[in-house]
Amino acid sequence: MEMPPTHVALEQGRLEDLRNLLAAGADVHGEYAGVTLLHRAVGREVDGHI
């Protein structure tokens, strides 16, 4: 299964792309490998990437 564009944008720190995807209707609750965008964002913030 391929990582959804929202998760890719977040992982790569492309926050403007993530905002645009969400504004265009991307599923904010969508999961990838059991991880939501919120979980991924919190993980990146804890790691100091955001």
PDB file of N, CA and C in Angstrom:
ATOM      1  N   MET A   1       0.848  -1.182   0.000  1.00  0.00           N
ATOM      2  CA  MET A   1       0.000   0.000   0.000  1.00  0.00           C
ATOM      3  C   MET A   1       0.895   1.249   0.000  1.00  0.00           C
ATOM      4  N   GLU A   2       0.565   2.156  -0.855  1.00  0.00           N
ATOM      5  CA  GLU A   2       1.337   3.396  -1.005  1.00  0.00           C
ATOM      6  C   GLU A   2       0.897   4.441   0.021  1.00  0.00           C
ATOM      7  N   MET A   3       1.863   5.180   0.553  1.00  0.00           N
ATOM      8  CA  MET A   3       1.565   6.219   1.546  1.00  0.00           C
ATOM      9  C   MET A   3       0.734   7.326   0.892  1.00  0.00           C
ATOM     10  N   PRO A   4      -0.359   7.744   1.540  1.00  0.00           N
ATOM     11  CA  PRO A   4      -1.203   8.803   0.987  1.00  0.00           C
ATOM     12  C   PRO A   4      -0.428  10.123   0.855  1.00  0.00           C
ATOM     13  N   PRO A   5      -0.817  10.952  -0.101  1.00  0.00           N
ATOM     14  CA  PRO A   5      -0.131  12.228  -0.323  1.00  0.00           C
ATOM     15  C   PRO A   5      -0.064  13.113   0.924  1.00  0.00           C
ATOM     16  N   THR A   6      -1.089  13.076   1.767  1.00  0.00           N
ATOM     17  CA  THR A   6      -1.057  13.896   2.975  1.00  0.00           C
ATOM     18  C   THR A   6       0.066  13.455   3.910  1.00  0.00           C
ATOM     19  N   HIS A   7       0.237  12.167   4.045  1.00  0.00           N
ATOM     20  CA  HIS A   7       1.287  11.634   4.912  1.00  0.00           C
ATOM     21  C   HIS A   7       2.671  11.914   4.319  1.00  0.00           C
ATOM     22  N   VAL A   8       2.776  11.807   3.005  1.00  0.00           N
ATOM     23  CA  VAL A   8       4.055  12.100   2.335  1.00  0.00           C
ATOM     24  C   VAL A   8       4.430  13.565   2.565  1.00  0.00           C
ATOM     25  N   ALA A   9       3.470  14.458   2.347  1.00  0.00           N
ATOM     26  CA  ALA A   9       3.737  15.891   2.520  1.00  0.00           C
ATOM     27  C   ALA A   9       4.186  16.183   3.950  1.00  0.00           C
ATOM     28  N   LEU A  10       3.535  15.586   4.917  1.00  0.00           N
ATOM     29  CA  LEU A  10       3.901  15.799   6.313  1.00  0.00           C
ATOM     30  C   LEU A  10       5.290  15.237   6.606  1.00  0.00           C
ATOM     31  N   GLU A  11       5.556  14.037   6.152  1.00  0.00           N
ATOM     32  CA  GLU A  11       6.865  13.411   6.371  1.00  0.00           C
ATOM     33  C   GLU A  11       7.998  14.239   5.776  1.00  0.00           C
ATOM     34  N   GLN A  12       7.725  14.857   4.635  1.00  0.00           N
ATOM     35  CA  GLN A  12       8.764  15.629   3.943  1.00  0.00           C
ATOM     36  C   GLN A  12       8.790  17.094   4.372  1.00  0.00           C
ATOM     37  N   GLY A  13       7.939  17.447   5.329  1.00  0.00           N
ATOM     38  CA  GLY A  13       7.928  18.815   5.828  1.00  0.00           C
ATOM     39  C   GLY A  13       7.350  19.824   4.846  1.00  0.00           C
ATOM     40  N   ARG A  14       6.568  19.337   3.892  1.00  0.00           N
ATOM     41  CA  ARG A  14       5.954  20.221   2.897  1.00  0.00           C
ATOM     42  C   ARG A  14       4.580  20.660   3.425  1.00  0.00           C
ATOM     43  N   LEU A  15       4.610  21.558   4.401  1.00  0.00           N
ATOM     44  CA  LEU A  15       3.389  21.934   5.101  1.00  0.00           C
ATOM     45  C   LEU A  15       2.415  22.708   4.229  1.00  0.00           C
ATOM     46  N   GLU A  16       2.911  23.510   3.321  1.00  0.00           N
ATOM     47  CA  GLU A  16       2.012  24.228   2.396  1.00  0.00           C
ATOM     48  C   GLU A  16       1.267  23.225   1.517  1.00  0.00           C
ATOM     49  N   ASP A  17       1.958  22.205   1.038  1.00  0.00           N
ATOM     50  CA  ASP A  17       1.301  21.155   0.247  1.00  0.00           C
ATOM     51  C   ASP A  17       0.256  20.439   1.096  1.00  0.00           C
ATOM     52  N   LEU A  18       0.589  20.160   2.349  1.00  0.00           N
ATOM     53  CA  LEU A  18      -0.359  19.494   3.244  1.00  0.00           C
ATOM     54  C   LEU A  18      -1.598  20.372   3.440  1.00  0.00           C
ATOM     55  N   ARG A  19      -1.392  21.658   3.680  1.00  0.00           N
ATOM     56  CA  ARG A  19      -2.539  22.581   3.828  1.00  0.00           C
ATOM     57  C   ARG A  19      -3.418  22.555   2.584  1.00  0.00           C
ATOM     58  N   ASN A  20      -2.787  22.588   1.421  1.00  0.00           N
ATOM     59  CA  ASN A  20      -3.544  22.581   0.162  1.00  0.00           C
ATOM     60  C   ASN A  20      -4.320  21.283  -0.014  1.00  0.00           C
ATOM     61  N   LEU A  21      -3.707  20.160   0.308  1.00  0.00           N
ATOM     62  CA  LEU A  21      -4.391  18.865   0.197  1.00  0.00           C
ATOM     63  C   LEU A  21      -5.607  18.819   1.122  1.00  0.00           C
ATOM     64  N   LEU A  22      -5.434  19.278   2.352  1.00  0.00           N
ATOM     65  CA  LEU A  22      -6.545  19.269   3.301  1.00  0.00           C
ATOM     66  C   LEU A  22      -7.640  20.238   2.873  1.00  0.00           C
ATOM     67  N   ALA A  23      -7.256  21.407   2.365  1.00  0.00           N
ATOM     68  CA  ALA A  23      -8.233  22.385   1.888  1.00  0.00           C
ATOM     69  C   ALA A  23      -9.028  21.847   0.706  1.00  0.00           C
ATOM     70  N   ALA A  24      -8.391  20.973  -0.068  1.00  0.00           N
ATOM     71  CA  ALA A  24      -9.048  20.385  -1.240  1.00  0.00           C
ATOM     72  C   ALA A  24      -9.909  19.176  -0.879  1.00  0.00           C
ATOM     73  N   GLY A  25      -9.946  18.839   0.426  1.00  0.00           N
ATOM     74  CA  GLY A  25     -10.848  17.775   0.858  1.00  0.00           C
ATOM     75  C   GLY A  25     -10.186  16.462   1.228  1.00  0.00           C
ATOM     76  N   ALA A  26      -8.863  16.421   1.327  1.00  0.00           N
ATOM     77  CA  ALA A  26      -8.196  15.180   1.737  1.00  0.00           C
ATOM     78  C   ALA A  26      -8.684  14.787   3.130  1.00  0.00           C
ATOM     79  N   ASP A  27      -8.730  13.508   3.381  1.00  0.00           N
ATOM     80  CA  ASP A  27      -9.251  12.981   4.643  1.00  0.00           C
ATOM     81  C   ASP A  27      -8.262  13.220   5.772  1.00  0.00           C
ATOM     82  N   VAL A  28      -8.619  14.108   6.680  1.00  0.00           N
ATOM     83  CA  VAL A  28      -7.745  14.433   7.810  1.00  0.00           C
ATOM     84  C   VAL A  28      -7.647  13.247   8.780  1.00  0.00           C
ATOM     85  N   HIS A  29      -8.604  12.339   8.723  1.00  0.00           N
ATOM     86  CA  HIS A  29      -8.619  11.184   9.617  1.00  0.00           C
ATOM     87  C   HIS A  29      -8.030   9.934   8.955  1.00  0.00           C
ATOM     88  N   GLY A  30      -7.565  10.082   7.724  1.00  0.00           N
ATOM     89  CA  GLY A  30      -7.020   8.941   7.007  1.00  0.00           C
ATOM     90  C   GLY A  30      -5.803   8.350   7.711  1.00  0.00           C
ATOM     91  N   GLU A  31      -5.717   7.022   7.717  1.00  0.00           N
ATOM     92  CA  GLU A  31      -4.606   6.331   8.351  1.00  0.00           C
ATOM     93  C   GLU A  31      -3.705   5.685   7.313  1.00  0.00           C
ATOM     94  N   TYR A  32      -2.466   5.536   7.689  1.00  0.00           N
ATOM     95  CA  TYR A  32      -1.515   4.768   6.894  1.00  0.00           C
ATOM     96  C   TYR A  32      -0.731   3.909   7.873  1.00  0.00           C
ATOM     97  N   ALA A  33      -0.771   2.610   7.682  1.00  0.00           N
ATOM     98  CA  ALA A  33      -0.096   1.656   8.563  1.00  0.00           C
ATOM     99  C   ALA A  33      -0.514   1.871  10.022  1.00  0.00           C
ATOM    100  N   GLY A  34      -1.802   2.186  10.226  1.00  0.00           N
ATOM    101  CA  GLY A  34      -2.329   2.365  11.564  1.00  0.00           C
ATOM    102  C   GLY A  34      -1.994   3.692  12.218  1.00  0.00           C
ATOM    103  N   VAL A  35      -1.440   4.622  11.449  1.00  0.00           N
ATOM    104  CA  VAL A  35      -1.029   5.925  11.987  1.00  0.00           C
ATOM    105  C   VAL A  35      -1.833   7.028  11.304  1.00  0.00           C
ATOM    106  N   THR A  36      -2.443   7.909  12.112  1.00  0.00           N
ATOM    107  CA  THR A  36      -3.186   9.040  11.564  1.00  0.00           C
ATOM    108  C   THR A  36      -2.235  10.210  11.316  1.00  0.00           C
ATOM    109  N   LEU A  37      -2.731  11.218  10.610  1.00  0.00           N
ATOM    110  CA  LEU A  37      -1.935  12.430  10.399  1.00  0.00           C
ATOM    111  C   LEU A  37      -1.567  13.082  11.726  1.00  0.00           C
ATOM    112  N   LEU A  38      -2.497  13.079  12.667  1.00  0.00           N
ATOM    113  CA  LEU A  38      -2.222  13.684  13.968  1.00  0.00           C
ATOM    114  C   LEU A  38      -1.074  12.948  14.667  1.00  0.00           C
ATOM    115  N   HIS A  39      -1.130  11.627  14.665  1.00  0.00           N
ATOM    116  CA  HIS A  39      -0.044  10.855  15.282  1.00  0.00           C
ATOM    117  C   HIS A  39       1.290  11.177  14.611  1.00  0.00           C
ATOM    118  N   ARG A  40       1.282  11.227  13.295  1.00  0.00           N
ATOM    119  CA  ARG A  40       2.512  11.500  12.541  1.00  0.00           C
ATOM    120  C   ARG A  40       3.029  12.914  12.845  1.00  0.00           C
ATOM    121  N   ALA A  41       2.120  13.889  12.915  1.00  0.00           N
ATOM    122  CA  ALA A  41       2.518  15.277  13.192  1.00  0.00           C
ATOM    123  C   ALA A  41       3.113  15.399  14.589  1.00  0.00           C
ATOM    124  N   VAL A  42       2.490  14.761  15.560  1.00  0.00           N
ATOM    125  CA  VAL A  42       3.008  14.806  16.928  1.00  0.00           C
ATOM    126  C   VAL A  42       4.380  14.148  16.979  1.00  0.00           C
ATOM    127  N   GLY A  43       4.536  13.040  16.297  1.00  0.00           N
ATOM    128  CA  GLY A  43       5.829  12.364  16.262  1.00  0.00           C
ATOM    129  C   GLY A  43       6.921  13.237  15.657  1.00  0.00           C
ATOM    130  N   ARG A  44       6.579  13.969  14.608  1.00  0.00           N
ATOM    131  CA  ARG A  44       7.563  14.848  13.979  1.00  0.00           C
ATOM    132  C   ARG A  44       7.894  16.034  14.883  1.00  0.00           C
ATOM    133  N   GLU A  45       6.891  16.561  15.589  1.00  0.00           N
ATOM    134  CA  GLU A  45       7.140  17.685  16.482  1.00  0.00           C
ATOM    135  C   GLU A  45       8.045  17.256  17.631  1.00  0.00           C
ATOM    136  N   VAL A  46       7.800  16.084  18.181  1.00  0.00           N
ATOM    137  CA  VAL A  46       8.627  15.569  19.273  1.00  0.00           C
ATOM    138  C   VAL A  46      10.063  15.376  18.794  1.00  0.00           C
ATOM    139  N   ASP A  47      10.215  14.951  17.542  1.00  0.00           N
ATOM    140  CA  ASP A  47      11.556  14.762  16.959  1.00  0.00           C
ATOM    141  C   ASP A  47      12.211  16.076  16.600  1.00  0.00           C
ATOM    142  N   GLY A  48      11.453  17.184  16.667  1.00  0.00           N
ATOM    143  CA  GLY A  48      12.021  18.500  16.366  1.00  0.00           C
ATOM    144  C   GLY A  48      12.051  18.851  14.892  1.00  0.00           C
ATOM    145  N   HIS A  49      11.221  18.186  14.088  1.00  0.00           N
ATOM    146  CA  HIS A  49      11.237  18.441  12.652  1.00  0.00           C
ATOM    147  C   HIS A  49      10.260  19.508  12.202  1.00  0.00           C
ATOM    148  N   ILE A  50       9.298  19.840  13.031  1.00  0.00           N
ATOM    149  CA  ILE A  50       8.306  20.846  12.621  1.00  0.00           C
ATOM    150  C   ILE A  50       8.519  22.088  13.448  1.00  0.00           C
TER     151      ILE A  50
END
